[in-house]
Amino acid sequence: MKLRLIALDVDGTILRSDRSLSRRTRRAIARARYAGLHVTLITGRHRQEVDFLARSLALTDPVACCNGAFIYHPDTGRTISEAAIGHETTVHLTRELQRLGLFFYHYLPQGILIERQHARRLKFGALRKAWRTPSHTAGFLRWLMDLRHLRLLTVPDAAAYLEARRVPTTMINVSGLPTGEAEALRAELERIEDDRISTTLTLPHHVDILPPGRSKAAGLADIASLLGVDPSETVAVGDNFNDVSMLEFAGLGVAMGNAPGEVRARAHRVIGDNDRDGVAGLIEEFLRG
């Protein structure tokens, strides 16, 4: 294939299990850019979470955050597009999540909106497994460091806050669901809200609620169009359920070796896992070819 654009997921793809970026992966991305290839990140993270990483990689092509709902230029900070869930739908969904007693938080332009009762869980939820292995410990400590770049808006009642201020919501994350319940919740939300939202599973226990029509595939399609790149000239790499749409959209969809079996089955190709620099090996192969 003729390759012009490399689209990379972040967590579980270019980052190792301890949330670090290896020197080899960093060097491979730099070499790809030096060779004239476009390189972008397509991630479920908030812009504030990914911006430091994008700038550290010296990326100049547009980056898609919030599973394709927010696209911006990392080198200038200029917003290209920002989709939002409808105000009434957001408030209704928030009240329903409150009624169900679920753990959730909102992605707003200014940061993460989270209720006071959930804030500690967001910050320290991984603490109980942090000491199991050196990788868990390092990953938890890096998460705490990442929080320096992420503004948390802590409120007693998210629905009341949103209803009073009418701030746009780019994404709602519902986390920590028991096994099997995430897909059921996703199906129920889409049934109730019909065409007013899109949803995706980020992990088997996490559901992301997005503006209608938004996905990683939509984000990648927008970036490819901005760059004048045909989808057939694009390779997309990811490791989880929210990556499937962009793996199927790209000319070459590549799943990480650490991806779930259902994700690997939907990809055109499977490479090494994130702890063994699978992305770096793939880019090096393309550059040799």
C-alpha atoms as a PDB file:
ATOM      1  CA  MET A   1       0.000   0.000   0.000  1.00  0.00           C
ATOM      2  CA  LYS A   2       1.007   3.632  -0.462  1.00  0.00           C
ATOM      3  CA  LEU A   3       1.306   5.023   3.065  1.00  0.00           C
ATOM      4  CA  ARG A   4       0.823   8.727   3.837  1.00  0.00           C
ATOM      5  CA  LEU A   5      -0.883   8.862   7.251  1.00  0.00           C
ATOM      6  CA  ILE A   6      -0.244   6.898  10.466  1.00  0.00           C
ATOM      7  CA  ALA A   7      -3.027   7.157  13.063  1.00  0.00           C
ATOM      8  CA  LEU A   8      -2.131   5.898  16.531  1.00  0.00           C
ATOM      9  CA  ASP A   9      -4.156   5.185  19.634  1.00  0.00           C
ATOM     10  CA  VAL A  10      -2.416   6.153  22.885  1.00  0.00           C
ATOM     11  CA  ASP A  11      -3.140   3.935  25.901  1.00  0.00           C
ATOM     12  CA  GLY A  12      -2.269   0.309  25.300  1.00  0.00           C
ATOM     13  CA  THR A  13      -0.819   1.162  21.888  1.00  0.00           C
ATOM     14  CA  ILE A  14       2.078   3.626  21.903  1.00  0.00           C
ATOM     15  CA  LEU A  15       2.191   3.687  25.718  1.00  0.00           C
ATOM     16  CA  ARG A  16       3.394   0.664  27.633  1.00  0.00           C
ATOM     17  CA  SER A  17       1.421  -0.873  30.500  1.00  0.00           C
ATOM     18  CA  ASP A  18       3.231   1.433  32.933  1.00  0.00           C
ATOM     19  CA  ARG A  19       2.040   4.442  30.828  1.00  0.00           C
ATOM     20  CA  SER A  20       5.577   5.168  29.598  1.00  0.00           C
ATOM     21  CA  LEU A  21       6.605   5.924  26.024  1.00  0.00           C
ATOM     22  CA  SER A  22       9.693   3.958  25.050  1.00  0.00           C
ATOM     23  CA  ARG A  23      12.694   5.601  23.430  1.00  0.00           C
ATOM     24  CA  ARG A  24      12.344   3.241  20.467  1.00  0.00           C
ATOM     25  CA  THR A  25       8.713   4.221  19.833  1.00  0.00           C
ATOM     26  CA  ARG A  26       9.504   7.910  20.194  1.00  0.00           C
ATOM     27  CA  ARG A  27      12.379   7.563  17.725  1.00  0.00           C
ATOM     28  CA  ALA A  28      10.266   5.596  15.214  1.00  0.00           C
ATOM     29  CA  ILE A  29       7.563   8.281  15.218  1.00  0.00           C
ATOM     30  CA  ALA A  30      10.194  10.983  14.703  1.00  0.00           C
ATOM     31  CA  ARG A  31      11.706   9.038  11.806  1.00  0.00           C
ATOM     32  CA  ALA A  32       8.287   8.624  10.190  1.00  0.00           C
ATOM     33  CA  ARG A  33       7.689  12.365  10.358  1.00  0.00           C
ATOM     34  CA  TYR A  34      11.185  13.048   9.007  1.00  0.00           C
ATOM     35  CA  ALA A  35      10.412  10.701   6.092  1.00  0.00           C
ATOM     36  CA  GLY A  36       7.449  12.930   5.199  1.00  0.00           C
ATOM     37  CA  LEU A  37       4.641  10.811   6.647  1.00  0.00           C
ATOM     38  CA  HIS A  38       1.747  12.399   8.511  1.00  0.00           C
ATOM     39  CA  VAL A  39       1.410  11.112  12.091  1.00  0.00           C
ATOM     40  CA  THR A  40      -1.610  11.720  14.312  1.00  0.00           C
ATOM     41  CA  LEU A  41      -3.060  10.497  17.599  1.00  0.00           C
ATOM     42  CA  ILE A  42      -6.679   9.286  17.779  1.00  0.00           C
ATOM     43  CA  THR A  43      -7.489   8.865  21.464  1.00  0.00           C
ATOM     44  CA  GLY A  44     -10.297   8.736  23.971  1.00  0.00           C
ATOM     45  CA  ARG A  45      -8.348  11.044  26.266  1.00  0.00           C
ATOM     46  CA  HIS A  46      -9.271  14.644  27.013  1.00  0.00           C
ATOM     47  CA  ARG A  47      -7.264  17.244  25.122  1.00  0.00           C
ATOM     48  CA  GLN A  48      -5.536  18.302  28.344  1.00  0.00           C
ATOM     49  CA  GLU A  49      -4.408  14.697  28.904  1.00  0.00           C
ATOM     50  CA  VAL A  50      -2.979  14.203  25.419  1.00  0.00           C
ATOM     51  CA  ASP A  51      -1.623  17.680  24.683  1.00  0.00           C
ATOM     52  CA  PHE A  52       1.624  17.235  26.614  1.00  0.00           C
ATOM     53  CA  LEU A  53       2.280  13.922  24.806  1.00  0.00           C
ATOM     54  CA  ALA A  54       1.484  15.353  21.366  1.00  0.00           C
ATOM     55  CA  ARG A  55       3.800  18.319  21.928  1.00  0.00           C
ATOM     56  CA  SER A  56       6.568  16.107  23.306  1.00  0.00           C
ATOM     57  CA  LEU A  57       6.406  14.142  20.032  1.00  0.00           C
ATOM     58  CA  ALA A  58       6.536  17.451  18.093  1.00  0.00           C
ATOM     59  CA  LEU A  59       3.375  16.510  16.183  1.00  0.00           C
ATOM     60  CA  THR A  60       2.133  19.142  13.764  1.00  0.00           C
ATOM     61  CA  ASP A  61      -0.769  17.274  12.165  1.00  0.00           C
ATOM     62  CA  PRO A  62      -4.264  17.537  13.687  1.00  0.00           C
ATOM     63  CA  VAL A  63      -5.018  15.252  16.642  1.00  0.00           C
ATOM     64  CA  ALA A  64      -8.416  13.759  17.572  1.00  0.00           C
ATOM     65  CA  CYS A  65      -9.401  13.495  21.253  1.00  0.00           C
ATOM     66  CA  CYS A  66     -12.538  12.280  23.045  1.00  0.00           C
ATOM     67  CA  ASN A  67     -12.930   9.387  20.604  1.00  0.00           C
ATOM     68  CA  GLY A  68     -13.064  11.711  17.604  1.00  0.00           C
ATOM     69  CA  ALA A  69     -15.393  14.354  19.048  1.00  0.00           C
ATOM     70  CA  PHE A  70     -12.679  17.026  19.445  1.00  0.00           C
ATOM     71  CA  ILE A  71      -9.993  17.794  16.833  1.00  0.00           C
ATOM     72  CA  TYR A  72      -7.243  20.376  17.205  1.00  0.00           C
ATOM     73  CA  HIS A  73      -3.750  21.408  16.095  1.00  0.00           C
ATOM     74  CA  PRO A  74      -1.246  20.413  18.841  1.00  0.00           C
ATOM     75  CA  ASP A  75       1.452  22.806  17.621  1.00  0.00           C
ATOM     76  CA  THR A  76      -0.753  25.927  17.632  1.00  0.00           C
ATOM     77  CA  GLY A  77      -3.502  24.865  20.039  1.00  0.00           C
ATOM     78  CA  ARG A  78      -6.158  25.919  17.510  1.00  0.00           C
ATOM     79  CA  THR A  79      -9.441  24.018  17.701  1.00  0.00           C
ATOM     80  CA  ILE A  80     -10.537  22.592  14.356  1.00  0.00           C
ATOM     81  CA  SER A  81     -13.856  21.041  15.362  1.00  0.00           C
ATOM     82  CA  GLU A  82     -15.654  20.353  18.607  1.00  0.00           C
ATOM     83  CA  ALA A  83     -18.861  18.321  18.703  1.00  0.00           C
ATOM     84  CA  ALA A  84     -21.147  18.369  21.732  1.00  0.00           C
ATOM     85  CA  ILE A  85     -24.039  16.313  23.054  1.00  0.00           C
ATOM     86  CA  GLY A  86     -27.277  18.323  23.069  1.00  0.00           C
ATOM     87  CA  HIS A  87     -27.894  20.247  26.296  1.00  0.00           C
ATOM     88  CA  GLU A  88     -31.238  18.653  27.178  1.00  0.00           C
ATOM     89  CA  THR A  89     -29.899  15.202  26.332  1.00  0.00           C
ATOM     90  CA  THR A  90     -26.831  15.774  28.518  1.00  0.00           C
ATOM     91  CA  VAL A  91     -28.877  16.831  31.529  1.00  0.00           C
ATOM     92  CA  HIS A  92     -31.333  13.951  31.046  1.00  0.00           C
ATOM     93  CA  LEU A  93     -28.526  11.390  30.750  1.00  0.00           C
ATOM     94  CA  THR A  94     -26.748  12.806  33.788  1.00  0.00           C
ATOM     95  CA  ARG A  95     -29.870  12.532  35.939  1.00  0.00           C
ATOM     96  CA  GLU A  96     -30.376   8.966  34.743  1.00  0.00           C
ATOM     97  CA  LEU A  97     -26.771   8.029  35.595  1.00  0.00           C
ATOM     98  CA  GLN A  98     -27.243   9.610  39.018  1.00  0.00           C
ATOM     99  CA  ARG A  99     -30.437   7.598  39.548  1.00  0.00           C
ATOM    100  CA  LEU A 100     -28.636   4.378  38.655  1.00  0.00           C
ATOM    101  CA  GLY A 101     -25.804   5.198  41.074  1.00  0.00           C
ATOM    102  CA  LEU A 102     -23.097   4.784  38.427  1.00  0.00           C
ATOM    103  CA  PHE A 103     -19.576   6.193  38.396  1.00  0.00           C
ATOM    104  CA  PHE A 104     -19.389   8.800  35.627  1.00  0.00           C
ATOM    105  CA  TYR A 105     -17.743  12.049  34.608  1.00  0.00           C
ATOM    106  CA  HIS A 106     -18.075  14.593  31.787  1.00  0.00           C
ATOM    107  CA  TYR A 107     -15.499  15.874  29.293  1.00  0.00           C
ATOM    108  CA  LEU A 108     -15.965  19.643  28.982  1.00  0.00           C
ATOM    109  CA  PRO A 109     -13.743  22.063  27.018  1.00  0.00           C
ATOM    110  CA  GLN A 110     -12.327  23.412  30.288  1.00  0.00           C
ATOM    111  CA  GLY A 111     -11.641  20.027  31.885  1.00  0.00           C
ATOM    112  CA  ILE A 112     -13.281  17.027  33.532  1.00  0.00           C
ATOM    113  CA  LEU A 113     -16.539  17.634  35.379  1.00  0.00           C
ATOM    114  CA  ILE A 114     -16.983  15.125  38.201  1.00  0.00           C
ATOM    115  CA  GLU A 115     -19.195  14.906  41.238  1.00  0.00           C
ATOM    116  CA  ARG A 116     -17.501  15.240  44.599  1.00  0.00           C
ATOM    117  CA  GLN A 117     -18.492  11.691  45.606  1.00  0.00           C
ATOM    118  CA  HIS A 118     -16.605  10.295  42.578  1.00  0.00           C
ATOM    119  CA  ALA A 119     -13.524  12.540  42.517  1.00  0.00           C
ATOM    120  CA  ARG A 120     -11.430  10.443  44.881  1.00  0.00           C
ATOM    121  CA  ARG A 121     -12.221   7.285  42.908  1.00  0.00           C
ATOM    122  CA  LEU A 122     -11.075   8.945  39.677  1.00  0.00           C
ATOM    123  CA  LYS A 123      -7.794  10.031  41.260  1.00  0.00           C
ATOM    124  CA  PHE A 124      -6.991   6.959  43.318  1.00  0.00           C
ATOM    125  CA  GLY A 125      -9.127   4.159  41.857  1.00  0.00           C
ATOM    126  CA  ALA A 126      -6.054   2.246  40.680  1.00  0.00           C
ATOM    127  CA  LEU A 127      -4.314   2.492  44.056  1.00  0.00           C
ATOM    128  CA  ARG A 128      -5.498  -0.916  45.270  1.00  0.00           C
ATOM    129  CA  LYS A 129      -3.580  -2.680  42.483  1.00  0.00           C
ATOM    130  CA  ALA A 130      -0.700  -0.207  42.284  1.00  0.00           C
ATOM    131  CA  TRP A 131       1.601  -2.285  44.448  1.00  0.00           C
ATOM    132  CA  ARG A 132       0.992  -5.646  42.761  1.00  0.00           C
ATOM    133  CA  THR A 133       3.796  -5.267  40.217  1.00  0.00           C
ATOM    134  CA  PRO A 134       6.420  -2.636  39.384  1.00  0.00           C
ATOM    135  CA  SER A 135       4.452  -1.889  36.187  1.00  0.00           C
ATOM    136  CA  HIS A 136       1.253  -1.175  38.164  1.00  0.00           C
ATOM    137  CA  THR A 137       3.164   1.042  40.573  1.00  0.00           C
ATOM    138  CA  ALA A 138       4.863   3.021  37.796  1.00  0.00           C
ATOM    139  CA  GLY A 139       1.587   3.361  35.903  1.00  0.00           C
ATOM    140  CA  PHE A 140      -0.245   4.691  38.954  1.00  0.00           C
ATOM    141  CA  LEU A 141       2.494   7.218  39.697  1.00  0.00           C
ATOM    142  CA  ARG A 142       2.495   8.405  36.079  1.00  0.00           C
ATOM    143  CA  TRP A 143      -1.296   8.778  36.263  1.00  0.00           C
ATOM    144  CA  LEU A 144      -0.889  11.061  39.267  1.00  0.00           C
ATOM    145  CA  MET A 145       1.667  13.073  37.283  1.00  0.00           C
ATOM    146  CA  ASP A 146      -0.708  13.246  34.291  1.00  0.00           C
ATOM    147  CA  LEU A 147      -3.333  14.801  36.544  1.00  0.00           C
ATOM    148  CA  ARG A 148      -1.146  17.909  36.684  1.00  0.00           C
ATOM    149  CA  HIS A 149      -2.177  18.601  33.087  1.00  0.00           C
ATOM    150  CA  LEU A 150      -5.875  17.830  33.648  1.00  0.00           C
ATOM    151  CA  ARG A 151      -8.240  20.286  35.303  1.00  0.00           C
ATOM    152  CA  LEU A 152     -10.882  18.628  37.492  1.00  0.00           C
ATOM    153  CA  LEU A 153     -14.104  20.580  38.074  1.00  0.00           C
ATOM    154  CA  THR A 154     -15.525  19.012  41.238  1.00  0.00           C
ATOM    155  CA  VAL A 155     -19.201  19.757  41.976  1.00  0.00           C
ATOM    156  CA  PRO A 156     -21.843  18.295  44.315  1.00  0.00           C
ATOM    157  CA  ASP A 157     -24.441  17.786  41.546  1.00  0.00           C
ATOM    158  CA  ALA A 158     -23.328  17.464  37.914  1.00  0.00           C
ATOM    159  CA  ALA A 159     -26.840  17.674  36.479  1.00  0.00           C
ATOM    160  CA  ALA A 160     -27.607  20.899  38.359  1.00  0.00           C
ATOM    161  CA  TYR A 161     -24.263  22.393  37.301  1.00  0.00           C
ATOM    162  CA  LEU A 162     -24.846  21.599  33.633  1.00  0.00           C
ATOM    163  CA  GLU A 163     -28.461  22.743  33.684  1.00  0.00           C
ATOM    164  CA  ALA A 164     -27.529  26.118  35.171  1.00  0.00           C
ATOM    165  CA  ARG A 165     -24.474  26.845  33.003  1.00  0.00           C
ATOM    166  CA  ARG A 166     -25.336  25.164  29.665  1.00  0.00           C
ATOM    167  CA  VAL A 167     -21.665  24.308  29.042  1.00  0.00           C
ATOM    168  CA  PRO A 168     -21.083  21.950  26.083  1.00  0.00           C
ATOM    169  CA  THR A 169     -20.325  18.319  26.915  1.00  0.00           C
ATOM    170  CA  THR A 170     -18.033  16.560  24.456  1.00  0.00           C
ATOM    171  CA  MET A 171     -18.190  13.112  26.058  1.00  0.00           C
ATOM    172  CA  ILE A 172     -19.529  11.295  29.128  1.00  0.00           C
ATOM    173  CA  ASN A 173     -17.518   8.394  30.533  1.00  0.00           C
ATOM    174  CA  VAL A 174     -19.308   5.705  32.564  1.00  0.00           C
ATOM    175  CA  SER A 175     -16.757   3.452  34.263  1.00  0.00           C
ATOM    176  CA  GLY A 176     -16.408   0.486  36.589  1.00  0.00           C
ATOM    177  CA  LEU A 177     -19.417  -1.481  35.331  1.00  0.00           C
ATOM    178  CA  PRO A 178     -19.660  -5.183  36.219  1.00  0.00           C
ATOM    179  CA  THR A 179     -18.735  -7.696  33.532  1.00  0.00           C
ATOM    180  CA  GLY A 180     -21.401  -7.873  30.859  1.00  0.00           C
ATOM    181  CA  GLU A 181     -23.287  -4.769  31.973  1.00  0.00           C
ATOM    182  CA  ALA A 182     -21.388  -2.245  29.856  1.00  0.00           C
ATOM    183  CA  GLU A 183     -22.764  -3.564  26.559  1.00  0.00           C
ATOM    184  CA  ALA A 184     -26.267  -3.754  28.035  1.00  0.00           C
ATOM    185  CA  LEU A 185     -26.040  -0.144  29.238  1.00  0.00           C
ATOM    186  CA  ARG A 186     -24.736   0.960  25.860  1.00  0.00           C
ATOM    187  CA  ALA A 187     -27.633  -0.702  24.041  1.00  0.00           C
ATOM    188  CA  GLU A 188     -30.185   0.788  26.437  1.00  0.00           C
ATOM    189  CA  LEU A 189     -28.752   4.298  26.129  1.00  0.00           C
ATOM    190  CA  GLU A 190     -28.872   4.166  22.349  1.00  0.00           C
ATOM    191  CA  ARG A 191     -32.432   2.821  22.465  1.00  0.00           C
ATOM    192  CA  ILE A 192     -33.622   5.614  24.773  1.00  0.00           C
ATOM    193  CA  GLU A 193     -31.752   8.474  23.113  1.00  0.00           C
ATOM    194  CA  ASP A 194     -32.057   7.145  19.547  1.00  0.00           C
ATOM    195  CA  ASP A 195     -30.128   9.460  17.190  1.00  0.00           C
ATOM    196  CA  ARG A 196     -29.149  12.052  19.839  1.00  0.00           C
ATOM    197  CA  ILE A 197     -25.963  10.240  20.917  1.00  0.00           C
ATOM    198  CA  SER A 198     -23.350   7.723  19.807  1.00  0.00           C
ATOM    199  CA  THR A 199     -21.725   5.251  22.190  1.00  0.00           C
ATOM    200  CA  THR A 200     -18.643   3.071  22.282  1.00  0.00           C
ATOM    201  CA  LEU A 201     -17.045   0.591  24.638  1.00  0.00           C
ATOM    202  CA  THR A 202     -13.597   1.861  25.605  1.00  0.00           C
ATOM    203  CA  LEU A 203     -12.932  -1.149  27.824  1.00  0.00           C
ATOM    204  CA  PRO A 204     -15.178  -4.104  28.729  1.00  0.00           C
ATOM    205  CA  HIS A 205     -16.284  -2.155  31.829  1.00  0.00           C
ATOM    206  CA  HIS A 206     -16.412   1.383  30.374  1.00  0.00           C
ATOM    207  CA  VAL A 207     -18.970   3.092  28.127  1.00  0.00           C
ATOM    208  CA  ASP A 208     -18.289   6.428  26.422  1.00  0.00           C
ATOM    209  CA  ILE A 209     -21.278   8.537  25.380  1.00  0.00           C
ATOM    210  CA  LEU A 210     -20.530  10.803  22.419  1.00  0.00           C
ATOM    211  CA  PRO A 211     -22.263  13.339  20.186  1.00  0.00           C
ATOM    212  CA  PRO A 212     -24.210  11.710  17.332  1.00  0.00           C
ATOM    213  CA  GLY A 213     -22.057  10.465  14.495  1.00  0.00           C
ATOM    214  CA  ARG A 214     -18.761  10.779  16.344  1.00  0.00           C
ATOM    215  CA  SER A 215     -16.272   7.941  16.659  1.00  0.00           C
ATOM    216  CA  LYS A 216     -12.591   7.345  16.136  1.00  0.00           C
ATOM    217  CA  ALA A 217     -13.377   6.516  12.517  1.00  0.00           C
ATOM    218  CA  ALA A 218     -15.136   9.865  12.101  1.00  0.00           C
ATOM    219  CA  GLY A 219     -12.181  11.667  13.690  1.00  0.00           C
ATOM    220  CA  LEU A 220      -9.714   9.882  11.432  1.00  0.00           C
ATOM    221  CA  ALA A 221     -11.864  10.596   8.363  1.00  0.00           C
ATOM    222  CA  ASP A 222     -11.909  14.321   9.209  1.00  0.00           C
ATOM    223  CA  ILE A 223      -8.136  14.442   9.695  1.00  0.00           C
ATOM    224  CA  ALA A 224      -7.462  12.508   6.479  1.00  0.00           C
ATOM    225  CA  SER A 225      -9.712  14.930   4.599  1.00  0.00           C
ATOM    226  CA  LEU A 226      -7.940  17.942   6.113  1.00  0.00           C
ATOM    227  CA  LEU A 227      -4.591  16.519   4.998  1.00  0.00           C
ATOM    228  CA  GLY A 228      -5.820  15.480   1.552  1.00  0.00           C
ATOM    229  CA  VAL A 229      -5.117  11.817   2.300  1.00  0.00           C
ATOM    230  CA  ASP A 230      -7.253   8.998   0.919  1.00  0.00           C
ATOM    231  CA  PRO A 231      -8.353   6.373   3.496  1.00  0.00           C
ATOM    232  CA  SER A 232      -6.541   3.736   1.431  1.00  0.00           C
ATOM    233  CA  GLU A 233      -3.286   5.583   2.228  1.00  0.00           C
ATOM    234  CA  THR A 234      -3.889   5.402   5.978  1.00  0.00           C
ATOM    235  CA  VAL A 235      -2.775   2.897   8.600  1.00  0.00           C
ATOM    236  CA  ALA A 236      -4.556   2.943  11.971  1.00  0.00           C
ATOM    237  CA  VAL A 237      -3.260   1.146  15.056  1.00  0.00           C
ATOM    238  CA  GLY A 238      -5.217   0.444  18.244  1.00  0.00           C
ATOM    239  CA  ASP A 239      -5.815  -2.029  21.026  1.00  0.00           C
ATOM    240  CA  ASN A 240      -9.405  -1.760  22.228  1.00  0.00           C
ATOM    241  CA  PHE A 241     -13.080  -1.780  21.326  1.00  0.00           C
ATOM    242  CA  ASN A 242     -13.299   1.962  20.634  1.00  0.00           C
ATOM    243  CA  ASP A 243     -10.511   1.531  18.067  1.00  0.00           C
ATOM    244  CA  VAL A 244     -12.420  -0.954  15.912  1.00  0.00           C
ATOM    245  CA  SER A 245     -14.224   1.702  13.860  1.00  0.00           C
ATOM    246  CA  MET A 246     -10.971   3.363  12.763  1.00  0.00           C
ATOM    247  CA  LEU A 247      -9.266   0.006  12.140  1.00  0.00           C
ATOM    248  CA  GLU A 248     -12.073  -0.843   9.719  1.00  0.00           C
ATOM    249  CA  PHE A 249     -12.022   2.634   8.143  1.00  0.00           C
ATOM    250  CA  ALA A 250      -8.286   2.739   7.398  1.00  0.00           C
ATOM    251  CA  GLY A 251      -6.618   1.184   4.381  1.00  0.00           C
ATOM    252  CA  LEU A 252      -4.720  -0.975   6.877  1.00  0.00           C
ATOM    253  CA  GLY A 253      -6.202  -1.545  10.330  1.00  0.00           C
ATOM    254  CA  VAL A 254      -3.646  -2.938  12.777  1.00  0.00           C
ATOM    255  CA  ALA A 255      -4.455  -4.390  16.198  1.00  0.00           C
ATOM    256  CA  MET A 256      -1.925  -4.631  18.984  1.00  0.00           C
ATOM    257  CA  GLY A 257      -0.970  -8.064  20.265  1.00  0.00           C
ATOM    258  CA  ASN A 258      -2.395  -7.070  23.664  1.00  0.00           C
ATOM    259  CA  ALA A 259      -5.819  -6.271  22.163  1.00  0.00           C
ATOM    260  CA  PRO A 260      -8.830  -8.459  23.076  1.00  0.00           C
ATOM    261  CA  GLY A 261      -9.547 -11.300  20.684  1.00  0.00           C
ATOM    262  CA  GLU A 262     -12.679  -9.593  19.321  1.00  0.00           C
ATOM    263  CA  VAL A 263     -10.598  -6.550  18.351  1.00  0.00           C
ATOM    264  CA  ARG A 264      -7.800  -8.601  16.769  1.00  0.00           C
ATOM    265  CA  ALA A 265     -10.402 -10.466  14.719  1.00  0.00           C
ATOM    266  CA  ARG A 266     -11.683  -7.186  13.211  1.00  0.00           C
ATOM    267  CA  ALA A 267      -8.229  -5.935  12.171  1.00  0.00           C
ATOM    268  CA  HIS A 268      -6.386  -6.546   8.910  1.00  0.00           C
ATOM    269  CA  ARG A 269      -3.210  -7.363  10.787  1.00  0.00           C
ATOM    270  CA  VAL A 270      -1.951  -8.027  14.337  1.00  0.00           C
ATOM    271  CA  ILE A 271       1.466  -6.890  15.591  1.00  0.00           C
ATOM    272  CA  GLY A 272       3.474  -7.194  18.822  1.00  0.00           C
ATOM    273  CA  ASP A 273       2.118  -5.914  22.090  1.00  0.00           C
ATOM    274  CA  ASN A 274       2.621  -2.476  23.599  1.00  0.00           C
ATOM    275  CA  ASP A 275       5.215  -3.636  26.119  1.00  0.00           C
ATOM    276  CA  ARG A 276       7.409  -4.917  23.280  1.00  0.00           C
ATOM    277  CA  ASP A 277       7.268  -1.791  21.095  1.00  0.00           C
ATOM    278  CA  GLY A 278       4.836  -3.229  18.560  1.00  0.00           C
ATOM    279  CA  VAL A 279       4.147   0.199  17.028  1.00  0.00           C
ATOM    280  CA  ALA A 280       7.845   0.982  16.669  1.00  0.00           C
ATOM    281  CA  GLY A 281       8.429  -2.324  14.890  1.00  0.00           C
ATOM    282  CA  LEU A 282       5.555  -1.606  12.479  1.00  0.00           C
ATOM    283  CA  ILE A 283       6.822   1.890  11.621  1.00  0.00           C
ATOM    284  CA  GLU A 284      10.374   0.596  11.158  1.00  0.00           C
ATOM    285  CA  GLU A 285       9.032  -2.018   8.760  1.00  0.00           C
ATOM    286  CA  PHE A 286       7.192   0.616   6.718  1.00  0.00           C
ATOM    287  CA  LEU A 287      10.284   2.817   6.575  1.00  0.00           C
ATOM    288  CA  ARG A 288      12.425  -0.091   5.371  1.00  0.00           C
ATOM    289  CA  GLY A 289       9.819  -0.876   2.724  1.00  0.00           C
END
